[in-house]
Amino acid sequence: MDVLEEASGKAFDTVYLQLMVKHHEGIVEMAKTEQSDGTYEPAKDMADDIMLSER
């Protein structure tokens, strides 16, 4: 995040997109775990939605 705060222009865009890709990859992994191990139905439904949007 420090790099992002100090960046501007194209460098900012590049760092921001790299961070967002990592963020979304983490969400997909969390959704997979929720699908297989979760017990709270609304969270499992959200995990299903996330995985559908990943396709």
PDB file of N, CA and C in Angstrom:
ATOM      1  N   MET A   1       0.822  -1.186   0.000  1.00  0.00           N
ATOM      2  CA  MET A   1       0.000   0.000   0.000  1.00  0.00           C
ATOM      3  C   MET A   1       0.873   1.259   0.000  1.00  0.00           C
ATOM      4  N   ASP A   2       2.035   1.180   0.638  1.00  0.00           N
ATOM      5  CA  ASP A   2       2.928   2.345   0.640  1.00  0.00           C
ATOM      6  C   ASP A   2       3.344   2.717  -0.770  1.00  0.00           C
ATOM      7  N   VAL A   3       3.625   1.713  -1.583  1.00  0.00           N
ATOM      8  CA  VAL A   3       4.013   1.971  -2.973  1.00  0.00           C
ATOM      9  C   VAL A   3       2.868   2.648  -3.704  1.00  0.00           C
ATOM     10  N   LEU A   4       1.658   2.204  -3.451  1.00  0.00           N
ATOM     11  CA  LEU A   4       0.485   2.785  -4.099  1.00  0.00           C
ATOM     12  C   LEU A   4       0.301   4.243  -3.698  1.00  0.00           C
ATOM     13  N   GLU A   5       0.499   4.544  -2.422  1.00  0.00           N
ATOM     14  CA  GLU A   5       0.360   5.928  -1.952  1.00  0.00           C
ATOM     15  C   GLU A   5       1.345   6.869  -2.627  1.00  0.00           C
ATOM     16  N   GLU A   6       2.529   6.369  -2.924  1.00  0.00           N
ATOM     17  CA  GLU A   6       3.574   7.224  -3.499  1.00  0.00           C
ATOM     18  C   GLU A   6       3.555   7.233  -5.016  1.00  0.00           C
ATOM     19  N   ALA A   7       2.778   6.375  -5.635  1.00  0.00           N
ATOM     20  CA  ALA A   7       2.757   6.268  -7.092  1.00  0.00           C
ATOM     21  C   ALA A   7       1.766   7.249  -7.702  1.00  0.00           C
ATOM     22  N   SER A   8       1.996   7.534  -8.973  1.00  0.00           N
ATOM     23  CA  SER A   8       1.051   8.361  -9.727  1.00  0.00           C
ATOM     24  C   SER A   8       1.097   7.942 -11.187  1.00  0.00           C
ATOM     25  N   GLY A   9       0.088   8.353 -11.916  1.00  0.00           N
ATOM     26  CA  GLY A   9       0.044   8.064 -13.343  1.00  0.00           C
ATOM     27  C   GLY A   9       0.015   6.581 -13.642  1.00  0.00           C
ATOM     28  N   LYS A  10       0.807   6.189 -14.639  1.00  0.00           N
ATOM     29  CA  LYS A  10       0.838   4.794 -15.082  1.00  0.00           C
ATOM     30  C   LYS A  10       1.335   3.866 -13.976  1.00  0.00           C
ATOM     31  N   ALA A  11       2.298   4.307 -13.187  1.00  0.00           N
ATOM     32  CA  ALA A  11       2.816   3.480 -12.086  1.00  0.00           C
ATOM     33  C   ALA A  11       1.705   3.184 -11.083  1.00  0.00           C
ATOM     34  N   PHE A  12       0.889   4.194 -10.771  1.00  0.00           N
ATOM     35  CA  PHE A  12      -0.250   3.981  -9.862  1.00  0.00           C
ATOM     36  C   PHE A  12      -1.200   2.944 -10.445  1.00  0.00           C
ATOM     37  N   ASP A  13      -1.546   3.114 -11.717  1.00  0.00           N
ATOM     38  CA  ASP A  13      -2.481   2.193 -12.368  1.00  0.00           C
ATOM     39  C   ASP A  13      -1.964   0.759 -12.330  1.00  0.00           C
ATOM     40  N   THR A  14      -0.674   0.588 -12.602  1.00  0.00           N
ATOM     41  CA  THR A  14      -0.075  -0.742 -12.619  1.00  0.00           C
ATOM     42  C   THR A  14      -0.120  -1.382 -11.235  1.00  0.00           C
ATOM     43  N   VAL A  15       0.304  -0.649 -10.211  1.00  0.00           N
ATOM     44  CA  VAL A  15       0.310  -1.181  -8.851  1.00  0.00           C
ATOM     45  C   VAL A  15      -1.117  -1.470  -8.396  1.00  0.00           C
ATOM     46  N   TYR A  16      -2.034  -0.563  -8.673  1.00  0.00           N
ATOM     47  CA  TYR A  16      -3.424  -0.753  -8.284  1.00  0.00           C
ATOM     48  C   TYR A  16      -3.991  -2.037  -8.900  1.00  0.00           C
ATOM     49  N   LEU A  17      -3.767  -2.222 -10.191  1.00  0.00           N
ATOM     50  CA  LEU A  17      -4.294  -3.420 -10.854  1.00  0.00           C
ATOM     51  C   LEU A  17      -3.643  -4.690 -10.320  1.00  0.00           C
ATOM     52  N   GLN A  18      -2.359  -4.645 -10.024  1.00  0.00           N
ATOM     53  CA  GLN A  18      -1.697  -5.822  -9.448  1.00  0.00           C
ATOM     54  C   GLN A  18      -2.314  -6.175  -8.093  1.00  0.00           C
ATOM     55  N   LEU A  19      -2.580  -5.175  -7.274  1.00  0.00           N
ATOM     56  CA  LEU A  19      -3.195  -5.421  -5.970  1.00  0.00           C
ATOM     57  C   LEU A  19      -4.615  -5.960  -6.121  1.00  0.00           C
ATOM     58  N   MET A  20      -5.365  -5.435  -7.072  1.00  0.00           N
ATOM     59  CA  MET A  20      -6.735  -5.892  -7.265  1.00  0.00           C
ATOM     60  C   MET A  20      -6.780  -7.332  -7.777  1.00  0.00           C
ATOM     61  N   VAL A  21      -5.836  -7.715  -8.618  1.00  0.00           N
ATOM     62  CA  VAL A  21      -5.788  -9.104  -9.094  1.00  0.00           C
ATOM     63  C   VAL A  21      -5.545 -10.029  -7.909  1.00  0.00           C
ATOM     64  N   LYS A  22      -4.591  -9.689  -7.049  1.00  0.00           N
ATOM     65  CA  LYS A  22      -4.328 -10.510  -5.863  1.00  0.00           C
ATOM     66  C   LYS A  22      -5.568 -10.584  -4.970  1.00  0.00           C
ATOM     67  N   HIS A  23      -6.239  -9.456  -4.810  1.00  0.00           N
ATOM     68  CA  HIS A  23      -7.457  -9.390  -4.001  1.00  0.00           C
ATOM     69  C   HIS A  23      -8.517 -10.345  -4.555  1.00  0.00           C
ATOM     70  N   HIS A  24      -8.740 -10.294  -5.847  1.00  0.00           N
ATOM     71  CA  HIS A  24      -9.768 -11.140  -6.449  1.00  0.00           C
ATOM     72  C   HIS A  24      -9.382 -12.612  -6.418  1.00  0.00           C
ATOM     73  N   GLU A  25      -8.100 -12.911  -6.577  1.00  0.00           N
ATOM     74  CA  GLU A  25      -7.663 -14.305  -6.461  1.00  0.00           C
ATOM     75  C   GLU A  25      -7.937 -14.823  -5.044  1.00  0.00           C
ATOM     76  N   GLY A  26      -7.724 -13.973  -4.060  1.00  0.00           N
ATOM     77  CA  GLY A  26      -8.010 -14.358  -2.676  1.00  0.00           C
ATOM     78  C   GLY A  26      -9.491 -14.610  -2.458  1.00  0.00           C
ATOM     79  N   ILE A  27     -10.317 -13.792  -3.081  1.00  0.00           N
ATOM     80  CA  ILE A  27     -11.763 -13.971  -2.952  1.00  0.00           C
ATOM     81  C   ILE A  27     -12.196 -15.308  -3.543  1.00  0.00           C
ATOM     82  N   VAL A  28     -11.630 -15.672  -4.673  1.00  0.00           N
ATOM     83  CA  VAL A  28     -11.984 -16.940  -5.308  1.00  0.00           C
ATOM     84  C   VAL A  28     -11.592 -18.103  -4.396  1.00  0.00           C
ATOM     85  N   GLU A  29     -10.416 -18.041  -3.808  1.00  0.00           N
ATOM     86  CA  GLU A  29      -9.993 -19.107  -2.890  1.00  0.00           C
ATOM     87  C   GLU A  29     -10.913 -19.175  -1.670  1.00  0.00           C
ATOM     88  N   MET A  30     -11.294 -18.025  -1.137  1.00  0.00           N
ATOM     89  CA  MET A  30     -12.208 -18.008   0.005  1.00  0.00           C
ATOM     90  C   MET A  30     -13.560 -18.592  -0.378  1.00  0.00           C
ATOM     91  N   ALA A  31     -14.029 -18.282  -1.585  1.00  0.00           N
ATOM     92  CA  ALA A  31     -15.314 -18.817  -2.043  1.00  0.00           C
ATOM     93  C   ALA A  31     -15.259 -20.338  -2.180  1.00  0.00           C
ATOM     94  N   LYS A  32     -14.142 -20.854  -2.682  1.00  0.00           N
ATOM     95  CA  LYS A  32     -13.988 -22.307  -2.794  1.00  0.00           C
ATOM     96  C   LYS A  32     -14.057 -22.961  -1.418  1.00  0.00           C
ATOM     97  N   THR A  33     -13.392 -22.357  -0.453  1.00  0.00           N
ATOM     98  CA  THR A  33     -13.409 -22.891   0.910  1.00  0.00           C
ATOM     99  C   THR A  33     -14.812 -22.834   1.490  1.00  0.00           C
ATOM    100  N   GLU A  34     -15.502 -21.738   1.252  1.00  0.00           N
ATOM    101  CA  GLU A  34     -16.875 -21.602   1.762  1.00  0.00           C
ATOM    102  C   GLU A  34     -17.787 -22.649   1.143  1.00  0.00           C
ATOM    103  N   GLN A  35     -17.625 -22.894  -0.150  1.00  0.00           N
ATOM    104  CA  GLN A  35     -18.448 -23.901  -0.811  1.00  0.00           C
ATOM    105  C   GLN A  35     -18.233 -25.284  -0.200  1.00  0.00           C
ATOM    106  N   SER A  36     -16.990 -25.604   0.099  1.00  0.00           N
ATOM    107  CA  SER A  36     -16.710 -26.961   0.585  1.00  0.00           C
ATOM    108  C   SER A  36     -16.874 -27.118   2.091  1.00  0.00           C
ATOM    109  N   ASP A  37     -16.602 -26.069   2.861  1.00  0.00           N
ATOM    110  CA  ASP A  37     -16.592 -26.196   4.316  1.00  0.00           C
ATOM    111  C   ASP A  37     -17.618 -25.337   5.045  1.00  0.00           C
ATOM    112  N   GLY A  38     -18.263 -24.438   4.332  1.00  0.00           N
ATOM    113  CA  GLY A  38     -19.165 -23.504   4.977  1.00  0.00           C
ATOM    114  C   GLY A  38     -20.448 -24.150   5.470  1.00  0.00           C
ATOM    115  N   THR A  39     -21.049 -23.501   6.465  1.00  0.00           N
ATOM    116  CA  THR A  39     -22.312 -23.994   7.009  1.00  0.00           C
ATOM    117  C   THR A  39     -23.405 -22.932   6.991  1.00  0.00           C
ATOM    118  N   TYR A  40     -23.035 -21.674   6.801  1.00  0.00           N
ATOM    119  CA  TYR A  40     -23.997 -20.569   6.802  1.00  0.00           C
ATOM    120  C   TYR A  40     -24.500 -20.380   5.372  1.00  0.00           C
ATOM    121  N   GLU A  41     -25.764 -20.711   5.148  1.00  0.00           N
ATOM    122  CA  GLU A  41     -26.320 -20.774   3.796  1.00  0.00           C
ATOM    123  C   GLU A  41     -26.170 -19.468   2.999  1.00  0.00           C
ATOM    124  N   PRO A  42     -26.429 -18.286   3.577  1.00  0.00           N
ATOM    125  CA  PRO A  42     -26.228 -17.069   2.785  1.00  0.00           C
ATOM    126  C   PRO A  42     -24.778 -16.896   2.310  1.00  0.00           C
ATOM    127  N   ALA A  43     -23.818 -17.292   3.129  1.00  0.00           N
ATOM    128  CA  ALA A  43     -22.413 -17.197   2.713  1.00  0.00           C
ATOM    129  C   ALA A  43     -22.110 -18.209   1.617  1.00  0.00           C
ATOM    130  N   LYS A  44     -22.687 -19.390   1.721  1.00  0.00           N
ATOM    131  CA  LYS A  44     -22.494 -20.392   0.679  1.00  0.00           C
ATOM    132  C   LYS A  44     -23.120 -19.923  -0.639  1.00  0.00           C
ATOM    133  N   ASP A  45     -24.277 -19.269  -0.555  1.00  0.00           N
ATOM    134  CA  ASP A  45     -24.916 -18.727  -1.755  1.00  0.00           C
ATOM    135  C   ASP A  45     -24.035 -17.658  -2.402  1.00  0.00           C
ATOM    136  N   MET A  46     -23.449 -16.801  -1.580  1.00  0.00           N
ATOM    137  CA  MET A  46     -22.570 -15.766  -2.101  1.00  0.00           C
ATOM    138  C   MET A  46     -21.336 -16.403  -2.756  1.00  0.00           C
ATOM    139  N   ALA A  47     -20.803 -17.447  -2.136  1.00  0.00           N
ATOM    140  CA  ALA A  47     -19.657 -18.151  -2.710  1.00  0.00           C
ATOM    141  C   ALA A  47     -20.023 -18.746  -4.077  1.00  0.00           C
ATOM    142  N   ASP A  48     -21.227 -19.285  -4.170  1.00  0.00           N
ATOM    143  CA  ASP A  48     -21.685 -19.809  -5.467  1.00  0.00           C
ATOM    144  C   ASP A  48     -21.752 -18.696  -6.508  1.00  0.00           C
ATOM    145  N   ASP A  49     -22.266 -17.539  -6.129  1.00  0.00           N
ATOM    146  CA  ASP A  49     -22.335 -16.390  -7.050  1.00  0.00           C
ATOM    147  C   ASP A  49     -20.940 -15.961  -7.504  1.00  0.00           C
ATOM    148  N   ILE A  50     -20.003 -15.931  -6.558  1.00  0.00           N
ATOM    149  CA  ILE A  50     -18.633 -15.547  -6.894  1.00  0.00           C
ATOM    150  C   ILE A  50     -18.048 -16.524  -7.905  1.00  0.00           C
ATOM    151  N   MET A  51     -18.253 -17.810  -7.670  1.00  0.00           N
ATOM    152  CA  MET A  51     -17.688 -18.796  -8.584  1.00  0.00           C
ATOM    153  C   MET A  51     -18.359 -18.746  -9.951  1.00  0.00           C
ATOM    154  N   LEU A  52     -19.646 -18.441  -9.997  1.00  0.00           N
ATOM    155  CA  LEU A  52     -20.324 -18.288 -11.296  1.00  0.00           C
ATOM    156  C   LEU A  52     -19.780 -17.099 -12.072  1.00  0.00           C
ATOM    157  N   SER A  53     -19.485 -16.013 -11.370  1.00  0.00           N
ATOM    158  CA  SER A  53     -18.961 -14.830 -12.048  1.00  0.00           C
ATOM    159  C   SER A  53     -17.517 -15.015 -12.483  1.00  0.00           C
ATOM    160  N   GLU A  54     -16.829 -15.981 -11.899  1.00  0.00           N
ATOM    161  CA  GLU A  54     -15.433 -16.260 -12.229  1.00  0.00           C
ATOM    162  C   GLU A  54     -15.303 -16.948 -13.586  1.00  0.00           C
ATOM    163  N   ARG A  55     -16.351 -17.572 -14.044  1.00  0.00           N
ATOM    164  CA  ARG A  55     -16.303 -18.328 -15.310  1.00  0.00           C
ATOM    165  C   ARG A  55     -16.261 -17.443 -16.500  1.00  0.00           C
TER     166      ARG A  55
END
